[in-house]
Protein backbone atom coordinates (compact mmCIF):
# COMPACT_ATOMS: atom_id res chain seq x y z
CA UNK A 1 0.00 0.00 0.00
CA UNK A 2 1.13 3.58 -0.58
CA UNK A 3 0.61 4.31 3.10
CA UNK A 4 3.58 2.19 4.11
CA UNK A 5 5.94 3.78 1.56
CA UNK A 6 4.59 7.34 1.43
CA UNK A 7 4.74 10.20 3.91
CA UNK A 8 2.67 10.37 7.09
CA UNK A 9 0.13 12.66 5.39
CA UNK A 10 -0.78 9.89 2.95
CA UNK A 11 -1.48 7.55 5.86
CA UNK A 12 -3.86 10.08 7.38
CA UNK A 13 -5.64 10.53 4.05
CA UNK A 14 -6.03 6.74 3.66
CA UNK A 15 -7.31 6.44 7.23
CA UNK A 16 -9.90 9.21 6.72
CA UNK A 17 -11.00 7.76 3.39
CA UNK A 18 -11.39 4.34 4.98
CA UNK A 19 -13.55 5.70 7.80
CA UNK A 20 -15.72 7.60 5.30
CA UNK A 21 -16.19 4.45 3.22
CA UNK A 22 -17.03 2.41 6.33
CA UNK A 23 -19.44 5.13 7.45
CA UNK A 24 -21.12 5.05 4.04
CA UNK A 25 -21.24 1.26 4.10
CA UNK A 26 -22.80 1.21 7.55
CA UNK A 27 -25.31 3.85 6.48
CA UNK A 28 -26.19 1.92 3.32
CA UNK A 29 -26.62 -1.34 5.26
CA UNK A 30 -28.94 0.44 7.69
CA UNK A 31 -30.95 1.82 4.77
CA UNK A 32 -31.13 -1.67 3.28
CA UNK A 33 -32.49 -3.07 6.56
CA UNK A 34 -35.07 -0.26 6.73
CA UNK A 35 -36.15 -0.87 3.13
CA UNK A 36 -36.43 -4.62 3.69
CA UNK A 37 -38.62 -3.98 6.75
CA UNK A 38 -40.80 -1.56 4.78
CA UNK A 39 -41.13 -4.10 1.96
CA UNK A 40 -42.23 -6.80 4.43
CA UNK A 41 -44.82 -4.44 5.93
CA UNK A 42 -46.13 -3.43 2.49
CA UNK A 43 -46.40 -7.06 1.36
CA UNK A 44 -48.24 -7.97 4.53
CA UNK A 45 -50.70 -5.09 4.08
CA UNK A 46 -51.26 -5.96 0.40
CA UNK A 47 -51.83 -9.61 1.29
CA UNK A 48 -54.35 -8.61 3.94
CA UNK A 49 -56.20 -6.43 1.41
CA UNK A 50 -56.22 -9.26 -1.14
CA UNK A 51 -57.67 -11.70 1.40
CA UNK A 52 -60.37 -9.18 2.32
CA UNK A 53 -61.29 -8.78 -1.37
CA UNK A 54 -61.46 -12.56 -1.80
CA UNK A 55 -63.72 -12.88 1.24
CA UNK A 56 -66.02 -10.16 -0.09
CA UNK A 57 -66.27 -11.77 -3.52
CA UNK A 58 -66.98 -15.17 -1.96
CA UNK A 59 -69.79 -13.66 0.11
CA UNK A 60 -71.20 -11.79 -2.87
CA UNK A 61 -71.38 -14.90 -5.05
CA UNK A 62 -72.01 -17.42 -2.25
CA UNK A 63 -68.79 -19.28 -3.01
CA UNK A 64 -67.82 -21.87 -0.41
CA UNK A 65 -64.48 -23.49 0.34
CA UNK A 66 -65.68 -26.70 -1.29
CA UNK A 67 -66.19 -24.74 -4.52
CA UNK A 68 -62.65 -23.37 -4.38
CA UNK A 69 -60.76 -26.42 -3.15
CA UNK A 70 -60.40 -28.16 -6.53
CA UNK A 71 -58.94 -24.95 -7.96
CA UNK A 72 -56.53 -24.34 -5.07
CA UNK A 73 -54.98 -27.78 -4.69
CA UNK A 74 -52.80 -29.67 -7.11
CA UNK A 75 -54.26 -32.78 -8.57
CA UNK A 76 -52.33 -35.79 -7.42
CA UNK A 77 -51.43 -38.35 -9.98
CA UNK A 78 -52.73 -41.80 -9.30
CA UNK A 79 -50.09 -44.32 -8.49
CA UNK A 80 -50.02 -47.26 -10.79
CA UNK A 81 -48.54 -50.44 -9.42
CA UNK A 82 -46.85 -52.65 -11.90
CA UNK A 83 -47.07 -56.34 -11.52
CA UNK A 84 -43.80 -58.16 -11.57
CA UNK A 85 -43.45 -60.19 -14.69
CA UNK A 86 -44.19 -63.80 -14.14
CA UNK A 87 -45.19 -64.05 -10.44
CA UNK A 88 -48.20 -61.68 -10.21
CA UNK A 89 -46.96 -59.80 -7.14
CA UNK A 90 -46.97 -56.04 -6.77
């Protein structure tokens, strides 16, 4: 590094620059945490609003869970057992 070879002034400049960069990094990380928290809160609020809309539509059209279930669950494929050739066992 130039700090080891250069004059004492260069060392002070490098030290100050390093603390500014670390200060910026810490500030940016804090902002990132704040934004992530705000995103979580916004998603939660949007999800709550969506659920409320779904409930209202279901009430309006008298839609029950039994009506929705086939559309909300994946259809499972039926298992087919193959008989072993020759002995008739599964």
